[in-house]
Amino acid sequence: MNLQTIVNAEPLEHKISYRHKILFTGSCFASEIGTLMKKMRYRAEVNPFGLMYNPASVALTLQRLENGTLFTEEDLFCQDGIFKSIFLSSEYAAHSAGEFLRTNNERLSVASSHFRESGWIIVTFGTSWIFTVKDSGNVAANCHKLPSSDFFRSRLTIDQIFDIISPFLERSKDKKWLFTVSPVRHWKDGAHQNQLSKATLLLAVERLVEKHPNAFYFPAYEIMMDQLRDYRFYAEDMIHPSGSAIGYIWERFRELCLEPSEEPLMKIVNKLNSMEDHRPLFPFSKEYKRFENEKESLKTKVEAELRKLFNNYNL
């Protein structure tokens, strides 16, 4: 008896490898999978300015990374003595404008360099709804709980999404672009409006993939909606995927997108991660010293394997 509707998908012809630098940007899938990739020792940069839910904010982030455009005081506002920017998530705030600009421009410099050297850009769209600041006309990546009266709310069209994302693929034909749509529902929009939003994203991504030979699609949305339909695959809020759902989607991502010849290395890295996560009951025992020696030996082996793939690797 088949108890699931399996989402079939074509594996990538050219797989993602440890050899590549990878940039993840966008909504929750980018953050979840990107974090797992970093844990597996891939050279990944994950949402350098926080979660970006809509394609317009993703485009603004890509533009800043592409050009290395520094943040200035004009990009900031002060809220209750804390300096923030509508272009960044709240965790990138600071107590002074100088501190904000110093730390985030340093982060920008690193991320911009990583973007230029990346072989893969992995983008997740969460919603086609955007909030535009009335005074400036800028699209907000994060509204920072400012009054709703400060913003115009609208939904991007398929054409608009295609038009703002397509030029990046044209200018970076040396990179491969993998698009996904977040399965997380934006429930505040209502069930119907959420579906319209997701449909718009899916159709826009379909057009990008049809137009650009360096654009590909991973069906995270379909796997969650059609294969993992039971509520046991959802967190307590009944909106976000549970840990087991994320784990399953990660396994499908590995199967369809990652270089299979590097699977033995991933297993060694996974074992090393488990050992590093271990918390001993008796840290001064002979048994634990043997454990530590085995861990260091495994770490050396992983470093050596990764150096075979690329130079100057630091674990």
C-alpha atoms as a PDB file:
ATOM      1  CA  MET A   1       0.000   0.000   0.000  1.00  0.00           C
ATOM      2  CA  ASN A   2       1.345   3.429  -0.982  1.00  0.00           C
ATOM      3  CA  LEU A   3       0.801   5.822   1.931  1.00  0.00           C
ATOM      4  CA  GLN A   4       2.331   8.880   0.254  1.00  0.00           C
ATOM      5  CA  THR A   5       2.049  10.754  -3.019  1.00  0.00           C
ATOM      6  CA  ILE A   6       5.739  10.929  -3.920  1.00  0.00           C
ATOM      7  CA  VAL A   7       6.795  14.164  -5.611  1.00  0.00           C
ATOM      8  CA  ASN A   8       8.955  13.163  -8.544  1.00  0.00           C
ATOM      9  CA  ALA A   9      11.565  15.611  -9.790  1.00  0.00           C
ATOM     10  CA  GLU A  10      14.469  15.523 -12.191  1.00  0.00           C
ATOM     11  CA  PRO A  11      17.878  15.611 -10.500  1.00  0.00           C
ATOM     12  CA  LEU A  12      20.158  18.467 -11.441  1.00  0.00           C
ATOM     13  CA  GLU A  13      22.364  17.620 -14.399  1.00  0.00           C
ATOM     14  CA  HIS A  14      25.269  19.549 -12.873  1.00  0.00           C
ATOM     15  CA  LYS A  15      25.327  18.925  -9.133  1.00  0.00           C
ATOM     16  CA  ILE A  16      26.331  21.200  -6.269  1.00  0.00           C
ATOM     17  CA  SER A  17      29.765  20.237  -4.964  1.00  0.00           C
ATOM     18  CA  TYR A  18      32.099  20.986  -2.077  1.00  0.00           C
ATOM     19  CA  ARG A  19      34.180  22.704  -4.763  1.00  0.00           C
ATOM     20  CA  HIS A  20      31.588  25.450  -5.153  1.00  0.00           C
ATOM     21  CA  LYS A  21      30.963  28.534  -3.116  1.00  0.00           C
ATOM     22  CA  ILE A  22      27.213  28.889  -2.560  1.00  0.00           C
ATOM     23  CA  LEU A  23      25.040  31.847  -1.630  1.00  0.00           C
ATOM     24  CA  PHE A  24      21.609  31.281  -0.073  1.00  0.00           C
ATOM     25  CA  THR A  25      19.167  34.175   0.018  1.00  0.00           C
ATOM     26  CA  GLY A  26      15.459  34.584   0.592  1.00  0.00           C
ATOM     27  CA  SER A  27      12.876  33.019   2.865  1.00  0.00           C
ATOM     28  CA  CYS A  28      12.894  30.114   5.315  1.00  0.00           C
ATOM     29  CA  PHE A  29      14.011  27.306   2.992  1.00  0.00           C
ATOM     30  CA  ALA A  30      17.155  29.255   2.105  1.00  0.00           C
ATOM     31  CA  SER A  31      17.925  29.682   5.780  1.00  0.00           C
ATOM     32  CA  GLU A  32      17.143  26.096   6.846  1.00  0.00           C
ATOM     33  CA  ILE A  33      18.955  24.318   4.003  1.00  0.00           C
ATOM     34  CA  GLY A  34      21.771  26.855   3.921  1.00  0.00           C
ATOM     35  CA  THR A  35      22.438  26.311   7.629  1.00  0.00           C
ATOM     36  CA  LEU A  36      22.528  22.539   7.094  1.00  0.00           C
ATOM     37  CA  MET A  37      24.961  23.014   4.195  1.00  0.00           C
ATOM     38  CA  LYS A  38      27.258  25.088   6.408  1.00  0.00           C
ATOM     39  CA  LYS A  39      27.080  22.421   9.111  1.00  0.00           C
ATOM     40  CA  MET A  40      28.162  19.899   6.487  1.00  0.00           C
ATOM     41  CA  ARG A  41      31.216  22.140   5.806  1.00  0.00           C
ATOM     42  CA  TYR A  42      30.071  23.478   2.433  1.00  0.00           C
ATOM     43  CA  ARG A  43      31.347  26.974   1.688  1.00  0.00           C
ATOM     44  CA  ALA A  44      27.955  28.621   2.028  1.00  0.00           C
ATOM     45  CA  GLU A  45      26.927  32.180   2.853  1.00  0.00           C
ATOM     46  CA  VAL A  46      23.378  32.237   4.226  1.00  0.00           C
ATOM     47  CA  ASN A  47      21.128  35.311   4.158  1.00  0.00           C
ATOM     48  CA  PRO A  48      23.837  37.865   5.001  1.00  0.00           C
ATOM     49  CA  PHE A  49      21.168  40.489   5.800  1.00  0.00           C
ATOM     50  CA  GLY A  50      18.528  38.196   7.279  1.00  0.00           C
ATOM     51  CA  LEU A  51      15.417  36.602   5.837  1.00  0.00           C
ATOM     52  CA  MET A  52      14.105  38.156   2.619  1.00  0.00           C
ATOM     53  CA  TYR A  53      10.531  37.133   1.976  1.00  0.00           C
ATOM     54  CA  ASN A  54       9.566  38.795  -1.308  1.00  0.00           C
ATOM     55  CA  PRO A  55      11.325  38.844  -4.714  1.00  0.00           C
ATOM     56  CA  ALA A  56      11.764  42.632  -4.706  1.00  0.00           C
ATOM     57  CA  SER A  57      13.760  42.506  -1.457  1.00  0.00           C
ATOM     58  CA  VAL A  58      15.759  39.555  -2.776  1.00  0.00           C
ATOM     59  CA  ALA A  59      16.559  41.626  -5.881  1.00  0.00           C
ATOM     60  CA  LEU A  60      17.680  44.606  -3.783  1.00  0.00           C
ATOM     61  CA  THR A  61      19.955  42.315  -1.773  1.00  0.00           C
ATOM     62  CA  LEU A  62      21.416  40.756  -4.927  1.00  0.00           C
ATOM     63  CA  GLN A  63      21.968  44.210  -6.403  1.00  0.00           C
ATOM     64  CA  ARG A  64      23.852  45.344  -3.308  1.00  0.00           C
ATOM     65  CA  LEU A  65      25.981  42.197  -3.310  1.00  0.00           C
ATOM     66  CA  GLU A  66      26.617  42.459  -7.034  1.00  0.00           C
ATOM     67  CA  ASN A  67      27.759  46.089  -6.865  1.00  0.00           C
ATOM     68  CA  GLY A  68      29.204  46.105  -3.351  1.00  0.00           C
ATOM     69  CA  THR A  69      27.085  49.190  -2.586  1.00  0.00           C
ATOM     70  CA  LEU A  70      27.765  50.207   1.008  1.00  0.00           C
ATOM     71  CA  PHE A  71      25.055  51.151   3.482  1.00  0.00           C
ATOM     72  CA  THR A  72      24.869  54.860   4.334  1.00  0.00           C
ATOM     73  CA  GLU A  73      23.071  56.864   6.992  1.00  0.00           C
ATOM     74  CA  GLU A  74      20.286  57.489   4.464  1.00  0.00           C
ATOM     75  CA  ASP A  75      19.465  53.763   4.703  1.00  0.00           C
ATOM     76  CA  LEU A  76      18.870  53.977   8.468  1.00  0.00           C
ATOM     77  CA  PHE A  77      16.175  55.092  10.870  1.00  0.00           C
ATOM     78  CA  CYS A  78      16.193  55.270  14.661  1.00  0.00           C
ATOM     79  CA  GLN A  79      13.504  53.461  16.643  1.00  0.00           C
ATOM     80  CA  ASP A  80      13.555  53.716  20.449  1.00  0.00           C
ATOM     81  CA  GLY A  81      17.272  54.526  20.375  1.00  0.00           C
ATOM     82  CA  ILE A  82      18.130  51.591  18.087  1.00  0.00           C
ATOM     83  CA  PHE A  83      19.361  52.136  14.527  1.00  0.00           C
ATOM     84  CA  LYS A  84      17.747  49.889  11.926  1.00  0.00           C
ATOM     85  CA  SER A  85      17.205  49.647   8.185  1.00  0.00           C
ATOM     86  CA  ILE A  86      14.183  48.494   6.227  1.00  0.00           C
ATOM     87  CA  PHE A  87      16.635  46.629   3.985  1.00  0.00           C
ATOM     88  CA  LEU A  88      17.819  44.337   6.807  1.00  0.00           C
ATOM     89  CA  SER A  89      16.282  42.122   9.452  1.00  0.00           C
ATOM     90  CA  SER A  90      16.019  43.310  13.055  1.00  0.00           C
ATOM     91  CA  GLU A  91      19.003  41.275  14.272  1.00  0.00           C
ATOM     92  CA  TYR A  92      21.309  43.577  12.309  1.00  0.00           C
ATOM     93  CA  ALA A  93      20.361  46.675  14.322  1.00  0.00           C
ATOM     94  CA  ALA A  94      22.837  48.667  16.445  1.00  0.00           C
ATOM     95  CA  HIS A  95      22.944  51.280  19.225  1.00  0.00           C
ATOM     96  CA  SER A  96      24.542  53.905  16.977  1.00  0.00           C
ATOM     97  CA  ALA A  97      24.628  54.762  13.282  1.00  0.00           C
ATOM     98  CA  GLY A  98      28.408  54.351  13.249  1.00  0.00           C
ATOM     99  CA  GLU A  99      28.244  50.867  14.761  1.00  0.00           C
ATOM    100  CA  PHE A 100      25.474  49.871  12.339  1.00  0.00           C
ATOM    101  CA  LEU A 101      27.429  51.032   9.286  1.00  0.00           C
ATOM    102  CA  ARG A 102      30.719  49.531  10.434  1.00  0.00           C
ATOM    103  CA  THR A 103      29.408  46.037  11.238  1.00  0.00           C
ATOM    104  CA  ASN A 104      26.986  45.732   8.340  1.00  0.00           C
ATOM    105  CA  ASN A 105      29.353  47.147   5.730  1.00  0.00           C
ATOM    106  CA  GLU A 106      31.989  44.665   6.915  1.00  0.00           C
ATOM    107  CA  ARG A 107      29.398  41.924   6.508  1.00  0.00           C
ATOM    108  CA  LEU A 108      28.486  43.315   3.084  1.00  0.00           C
ATOM    109  CA  SER A 109      32.118  43.260   1.941  1.00  0.00           C
ATOM    110  CA  VAL A 110      32.494  39.588   2.878  1.00  0.00           C
ATOM    111  CA  ALA A 111      29.133  38.588   1.373  1.00  0.00           C
ATOM    112  CA  SER A 112      29.744  40.574  -1.824  1.00  0.00           C
ATOM    113  CA  SER A 113      33.065  38.808  -2.361  1.00  0.00           C
ATOM    114  CA  HIS A 114      31.375  35.465  -1.694  1.00  0.00           C
ATOM    115  CA  PHE A 115      28.622  36.280  -4.203  1.00  0.00           C
ATOM    116  CA  ARG A 116      31.130  37.097  -6.941  1.00  0.00           C
ATOM    117  CA  GLU A 117      32.981  33.812  -6.344  1.00  0.00           C
ATOM    118  CA  SER A 118      29.867  31.642  -5.968  1.00  0.00           C
ATOM    119  CA  GLY A 119      29.105  28.926  -8.453  1.00  0.00           C
ATOM    120  CA  TRP A 120      25.543  28.526  -7.153  1.00  0.00           C
ATOM    121  CA  ILE A 121      22.984  31.074  -5.988  1.00  0.00           C
ATOM    122  CA  ILE A 122      20.024  29.455  -4.201  1.00  0.00           C
ATOM    123  CA  VAL A 123      16.962  31.692  -3.899  1.00  0.00           C
ATOM    124  CA  THR A 124      13.748  31.068  -1.964  1.00  0.00           C
ATOM    125  CA  PHE A 125      10.686  33.252  -2.489  1.00  0.00           C
ATOM    126  CA  GLY A 126       8.182  33.349   0.371  1.00  0.00           C
ATOM    127  CA  THR A 127       5.484  35.784  -0.735  1.00  0.00           C
ATOM    128  CA  SER A 128       4.647  38.045  -3.640  1.00  0.00           C
ATOM    129  CA  TRP A 129       3.163  40.647  -1.290  1.00  0.00           C
ATOM    130  CA  ILE A 130       5.363  43.692  -0.675  1.00  0.00           C
ATOM    131  CA  PHE A 131       5.304  46.711   1.629  1.00  0.00           C
ATOM    132  CA  THR A 132       6.499  49.960   0.072  1.00  0.00           C
ATOM    133  CA  VAL A 133       7.503  52.884   2.288  1.00  0.00           C
ATOM    134  CA  LYS A 134       5.242  55.816   1.421  1.00  0.00           C
ATOM    135  CA  ASP A 135       7.866  58.502   2.002  1.00  0.00           C
ATOM    136  CA  SER A 136      10.720  56.940   0.025  1.00  0.00           C
ATOM    137  CA  GLY A 137       9.139  54.435  -2.352  1.00  0.00           C
ATOM    138  CA  ASN A 138      11.560  51.735  -1.119  1.00  0.00           C
ATOM    139  CA  VAL A 139      10.399  48.147  -0.689  1.00  0.00           C
ATOM    140  CA  ALA A 140      10.851  46.952   2.889  1.00  0.00           C
ATOM    141  CA  ALA A 141      12.554  43.651   3.585  1.00  0.00           C
ATOM    142  CA  ASN A 142      11.429  44.092   7.185  1.00  0.00           C
ATOM    143  CA  CYS A 143       8.809  46.530   8.491  1.00  0.00           C
ATOM    144  CA  HIS A 144      10.243  46.476  12.070  1.00  0.00           C
ATOM    145  CA  LYS A 145       6.706  46.832  13.504  1.00  0.00           C
ATOM    146  CA  LEU A 146       6.425  50.378  12.162  1.00  0.00           C
ATOM    147  CA  PRO A 147       2.831  51.647  11.756  1.00  0.00           C
ATOM    148  CA  SER A 148       1.020  50.084   8.817  1.00  0.00           C
ATOM    149  CA  SER A 149       0.055  53.603   7.746  1.00  0.00           C
ATOM    150  CA  ASP A 150       3.726  54.132   6.776  1.00  0.00           C
ATOM    151  CA  PHE A 151       3.427  51.603   3.938  1.00  0.00           C
ATOM    152  CA  PHE A 152       1.571  50.797   0.755  1.00  0.00           C
ATOM    153  CA  ARG A 153       0.780  47.078   0.474  1.00  0.00           C
ATOM    154  CA  SER A 154       0.567  45.441  -2.937  1.00  0.00           C
ATOM    155  CA  ARG A 155       1.173  42.145  -4.695  1.00  0.00           C
ATOM    156  CA  LEU A 156       3.838  41.744  -7.342  1.00  0.00           C
ATOM    157  CA  THR A 157       2.741  40.321 -10.675  1.00  0.00           C
ATOM    158  CA  ILE A 158       4.397  37.460 -12.549  1.00  0.00           C
ATOM    159  CA  ASP A 159       5.815  39.940 -15.064  1.00  0.00           C
ATOM    160  CA  GLN A 160       7.224  42.191 -12.338  1.00  0.00           C
ATOM    161  CA  ILE A 161       8.974  39.301 -10.587  1.00  0.00           C
ATOM    162  CA  PHE A 162      10.427  38.057 -13.857  1.00  0.00           C
ATOM    163  CA  ASP A 163      11.596  41.537 -14.837  1.00  0.00           C
ATOM    164  CA  ILE A 164      13.408  42.269 -11.559  1.00  0.00           C
ATOM    165  CA  ILE A 165      15.113  38.856 -11.234  1.00  0.00           C
ATOM    166  CA  SER A 166      15.908  37.996 -14.848  1.00  0.00           C
ATOM    167  CA  PRO A 167      18.702  40.616 -15.315  1.00  0.00           C
ATOM    168  CA  PHE A 168      20.782  39.002 -12.549  1.00  0.00           C
ATOM    169  CA  LEU A 169      20.718  35.683 -14.397  1.00  0.00           C
ATOM    170  CA  GLU A 170      21.673  37.452 -17.615  1.00  0.00           C
ATOM    171  CA  ARG A 171      24.611  39.251 -16.002  1.00  0.00           C
ATOM    172  CA  SER A 172      25.814  36.169 -14.106  1.00  0.00           C
ATOM    173  CA  LYS A 173      25.663  33.427 -16.712  1.00  0.00           C
ATOM    174  CA  ASP A 174      28.732  31.869 -15.111  1.00  0.00           C
ATOM    175  CA  LYS A 175      26.622  31.065 -12.052  1.00  0.00           C
ATOM    176  CA  LYS A 176      23.863  28.505 -11.688  1.00  0.00           C
ATOM    177  CA  TRP A 177      20.666  29.662 -10.001  1.00  0.00           C
ATOM    178  CA  LEU A 178      18.410  27.304  -8.061  1.00  0.00           C
ATOM    179  CA  PHE A 179      14.954  28.655  -7.176  1.00  0.00           C
ATOM    180  CA  THR A 180      12.505  27.371  -4.589  1.00  0.00           C
ATOM    181  CA  VAL A 181       9.198  28.586  -3.183  1.00  0.00           C
ATOM    182  CA  SER A 182       8.755  28.446   0.575  1.00  0.00           C
ATOM    183  CA  PRO A 183       6.001  26.074   1.752  1.00  0.00           C
ATOM    184  CA  VAL A 184       5.422  28.273   4.817  1.00  0.00           C
ATOM    185  CA  ARG A 185       1.969  29.843   4.559  1.00  0.00           C
ATOM    186  CA  HIS A 186       1.579  33.571   5.125  1.00  0.00           C
ATOM    187  CA  TRP A 187      -1.611  33.048   7.099  1.00  0.00           C
ATOM    188  CA  LYS A 188      -2.159  36.719   7.919  1.00  0.00           C
ATOM    189  CA  ASP A 189      -2.967  37.206   4.240  1.00  0.00           C
ATOM    190  CA  GLY A 190      -5.771  34.654   4.525  1.00  0.00           C
ATOM    191  CA  ALA A 191      -5.907  31.216   2.895  1.00  0.00           C
ATOM    192  CA  HIS A 192      -7.036  32.414  -0.525  1.00  0.00           C
ATOM    193  CA  GLN A 193      -4.639  35.358  -0.769  1.00  0.00           C
ATOM    194  CA  ASN A 194      -1.779  33.109   0.355  1.00  0.00           C
ATOM    195  CA  GLN A 195      -2.593  30.669  -2.446  1.00  0.00           C
ATOM    196  CA  LEU A 196      -2.690  33.472  -5.011  1.00  0.00           C
ATOM    197  CA  SER A 197       0.645  34.714  -3.726  1.00  0.00           C
ATOM    198  CA  LYS A 198       2.289  31.277  -3.945  1.00  0.00           C
ATOM    199  CA  ALA A 199       0.804  30.656  -7.400  1.00  0.00           C
ATOM    200  CA  THR A 200       2.285  33.957  -8.604  1.00  0.00           C
ATOM    201  CA  LEU A 201       5.717  32.946  -7.303  1.00  0.00           C
ATOM    202  CA  LEU A 202       5.523  29.495  -8.869  1.00  0.00           C
ATOM    203  CA  LEU A 203       4.543  30.871 -12.266  1.00  0.00           C
ATOM    204  CA  ALA A 204       7.261  33.528 -12.137  1.00  0.00           C
ATOM    205  CA  VAL A 205       9.903  30.911 -11.279  1.00  0.00           C
ATOM    206  CA  GLU A 206       8.618  28.689 -14.081  1.00  0.00           C
ATOM    207  CA  ARG A 207       9.137  31.536 -16.541  1.00  0.00           C
ATOM    208  CA  LEU A 208      12.658  32.183 -15.220  1.00  0.00           C
ATOM    209  CA  VAL A 209      13.586  28.519 -15.605  1.00  0.00           C
ATOM    210  CA  GLU A 210      12.119  28.371 -19.124  1.00  0.00           C
ATOM    211  CA  LYS A 211      13.975  31.519 -20.184  1.00  0.00           C
ATOM    212  CA  HIS A 212      17.407  30.949 -18.641  1.00  0.00           C
ATOM    213  CA  PRO A 213      19.471  27.775 -19.139  1.00  0.00           C
ATOM    214  CA  ASN A 214      21.353  28.542 -15.897  1.00  0.00           C
ATOM    215  CA  ALA A 215      18.115  28.561 -13.826  1.00  0.00           C
ATOM    216  CA  PHE A 216      16.684  25.484 -12.086  1.00  0.00           C
ATOM    217  CA  TYR A 217      13.871  24.617  -9.673  1.00  0.00           C
ATOM    218  CA  PHE A 218      13.748  22.476  -6.533  1.00  0.00           C
ATOM    219  CA  PRO A 219      10.192  21.467  -5.480  1.00  0.00           C
ATOM    220  CA  ALA A 220      10.327  22.184  -1.734  1.00  0.00           C
ATOM    221  CA  TYR A 221       6.815  23.656  -1.902  1.00  0.00           C
ATOM    222  CA  GLU A 222       5.330  20.602  -3.615  1.00  0.00           C
ATOM    223  CA  ILE A 223       7.104  18.133  -1.315  1.00  0.00           C
ATOM    224  CA  MET A 224       5.647  19.845   1.748  1.00  0.00           C
ATOM    225  CA  MET A 225       2.160  20.442   0.331  1.00  0.00           C
ATOM    226  CA  ASP A 226       1.598  17.172  -1.529  1.00  0.00           C
ATOM    227  CA  GLN A 227       3.876  14.592   0.050  1.00  0.00           C
ATOM    228  CA  LEU A 228       4.114  15.676   3.711  1.00  0.00           C
ATOM    229  CA  ARG A 229       0.432  16.475   4.133  1.00  0.00           C
ATOM    230  CA  ASP A 230       0.004  15.109   7.661  1.00  0.00           C
ATOM    231  CA  TYR A 231      -0.014  17.622  10.558  1.00  0.00           C
ATOM    232  CA  ARG A 232       2.777  15.647  12.238  1.00  0.00           C
ATOM    233  CA  PHE A 233       5.062  17.303   9.694  1.00  0.00           C
ATOM    234  CA  TYR A 234       4.202  20.757  11.027  1.00  0.00           C
ATOM    235  CA  ALA A 235       5.481  22.680  14.024  1.00  0.00           C
ATOM    236  CA  GLU A 236       3.158  23.695  16.867  1.00  0.00           C
ATOM    237  CA  ASP A 237       1.988  26.781  14.975  1.00  0.00           C
ATOM    238  CA  MET A 238       0.645  24.475  12.216  1.00  0.00           C
ATOM    239  CA  ILE A 239       2.347  26.780   9.696  1.00  0.00           C
ATOM    240  CA  HIS A 240       6.070  26.019   9.689  1.00  0.00           C
ATOM    241  CA  PRO A 241       7.552  22.608   8.819  1.00  0.00           C
ATOM    242  CA  SER A 242       8.572  20.434  11.752  1.00  0.00           C
ATOM    243  CA  GLY A 243      12.114  19.192  12.263  1.00  0.00           C
ATOM    244  CA  SER A 244      11.259  15.861  10.649  1.00  0.00           C
ATOM    245  CA  ALA A 245       9.808  17.637   7.593  1.00  0.00           C
ATOM    246  CA  ILE A 246      12.932  19.772   7.224  1.00  0.00           C
ATOM    247  CA  GLY A 247      15.004  16.609   7.579  1.00  0.00           C
ATOM    248  CA  TYR A 248      13.060  14.869   4.821  1.00  0.00           C
ATOM    249  CA  ILE A 249      13.260  17.858   2.455  1.00  0.00           C
ATOM    250  CA  TRP A 250      17.012  18.019   3.167  1.00  0.00           C
ATOM    251  CA  GLU A 251      17.343  14.351   2.165  1.00  0.00           C
ATOM    252  CA  ARG A 252      15.502  15.028  -1.101  1.00  0.00           C
ATOM    253  CA  PHE A 253      17.734  18.048  -1.681  1.00  0.00           C
ATOM    254  CA  ARG A 254      20.816  15.871  -1.166  1.00  0.00           C
ATOM    255  CA  GLU A 255      19.397  13.251  -3.528  1.00  0.00           C
ATOM    256  CA  LEU A 256      18.498  15.652  -6.334  1.00  0.00           C
ATOM    257  CA  CYS A 257      21.029  18.454  -6.037  1.00  0.00           C
ATOM    258  CA  LEU A 258      24.278  17.396  -4.371  1.00  0.00           C
ATOM    259  CA  GLU A 259      27.235  15.633  -5.981  1.00  0.00           C
ATOM    260  CA  PRO A 260      26.732  11.895  -5.261  1.00  0.00           C
ATOM    261  CA  SER A 261      30.452  11.075  -5.468  1.00  0.00           C
ATOM    262  CA  GLU A 262      30.939  13.236  -2.365  1.00  0.00           C
ATOM    263  CA  GLU A 263      28.412  11.293  -0.297  1.00  0.00           C
ATOM    264  CA  PRO A 264      31.156   9.301   1.525  1.00  0.00           C
ATOM    265  CA  LEU A 265      32.753  12.595   2.587  1.00  0.00           C
ATOM    266  CA  MET A 266      29.391  13.877   3.812  1.00  0.00           C
ATOM    267  CA  LYS A 267      28.990  10.754   5.956  1.00  0.00           C
ATOM    268  CA  ILE A 268      32.399  11.378   7.539  1.00  0.00           C
ATOM    269  CA  VAL A 269      31.496  15.030   8.162  1.00  0.00           C
ATOM    270  CA  ASN A 270      28.190  13.934   9.676  1.00  0.00           C
ATOM    271  CA  LYS A 271      30.014  11.578  12.038  1.00  0.00           C
ATOM    272  CA  LEU A 272      32.423  14.384  12.998  1.00  0.00           C
ATOM    273  CA  ASN A 273      29.448  16.681  13.697  1.00  0.00           C
ATOM    274  CA  SER A 274      27.907  14.059  15.990  1.00  0.00           C
ATOM    275  CA  MET A 275      31.179  13.704  17.850  1.00  0.00           C
ATOM    276  CA  GLU A 276      31.548  17.478  18.228  1.00  0.00           C
ATOM    277  CA  ASP A 277      27.997  17.708  19.563  1.00  0.00           C
ATOM    278  CA  HIS A 278      28.725  15.053  22.179  1.00  0.00           C
ATOM    279  CA  ARG A 279      28.792  16.259  25.805  1.00  0.00           C
ATOM    280  CA  PRO A 280      30.790  13.881  28.031  1.00  0.00           C
ATOM    281  CA  LEU A 281      29.702  12.786  31.493  1.00  0.00           C
ATOM    282  CA  PHE A 282      33.320  12.169  32.565  1.00  0.00           C
ATOM    283  CA  PRO A 283      35.630  14.517  30.602  1.00  0.00           C
ATOM    284  CA  PHE A 284      38.763  13.387  32.490  1.00  0.00           C
ATOM    285  CA  SER A 285      38.332   9.667  31.905  1.00  0.00           C
ATOM    286  CA  LYS A 286      40.594   7.509  29.708  1.00  0.00           C
ATOM    287  CA  GLU A 287      37.586   6.642  27.575  1.00  0.00           C
ATOM    288  CA  TYR A 288      36.961  10.315  26.829  1.00  0.00           C
ATOM    289  CA  LYS A 289      40.622  10.875  25.945  1.00  0.00           C
ATOM    290  CA  ARG A 290      40.344   8.039  23.410  1.00  0.00           C
ATOM    291  CA  PHE A 291      37.172   9.683  22.101  1.00  0.00           C
ATOM    292  CA  GLU A 292      38.978  13.035  21.759  1.00  0.00           C
ATOM    293  CA  ASN A 293      41.862  11.409  19.884  1.00  0.00           C
ATOM    294  CA  GLU A 294      39.442   9.729  17.495  1.00  0.00           C
ATOM    295  CA  LYS A 295      37.628  13.028  16.941  1.00  0.00           C
ATOM    296  CA  GLU A 296      40.866  14.893  16.166  1.00  0.00           C
ATOM    297  CA  SER A 297      41.917  12.116  13.788  1.00  0.00           C
ATOM    298  CA  LEU A 298      38.573  12.320  12.000  1.00  0.00           C
ATOM    299  CA  LYS A 299      38.811  16.116  11.815  1.00  0.00           C
ATOM    300  CA  THR A 300      42.258  15.843  10.203  1.00  0.00           C
ATOM    301  CA  LYS A 301      40.869  13.342   7.686  1.00  0.00           C
ATOM    302  CA  VAL A 302      37.973  15.662   6.769  1.00  0.00           C
ATOM    303  CA  GLU A 303      40.366  18.602   6.330  1.00  0.00           C
ATOM    304  CA  ALA A 304      42.603  16.530   4.073  1.00  0.00           C
ATOM    305  CA  GLU A 305      39.651  15.386   1.942  1.00  0.00           C
ATOM    306  CA  LEU A 306      38.377  18.925   1.546  1.00  0.00           C
ATOM    307  CA  ARG A 307      41.814  20.226   0.624  1.00  0.00           C
ATOM    308  CA  LYS A 308      41.854  17.732  -2.237  1.00  0.00           C
ATOM    309  CA  LEU A 309      38.823  19.553  -3.594  1.00  0.00           C
ATOM    310  CA  PHE A 310      40.036  23.126  -3.092  1.00  0.00           C
ATOM    311  CA  ASN A 311      42.997  24.966  -1.600  1.00  0.00           C
ATOM    312  CA  ASN A 312      43.246  27.046   1.591  1.00  0.00           C
ATOM    313  CA  TYR A 313      40.445  25.228   3.409  1.00  0.00           C
ATOM    314  CA  ASN A 314      40.030  25.913   7.118  1.00  0.00           C
ATOM    315  CA  LEU A 315      37.667  23.604   8.994  1.00  0.00           C
END
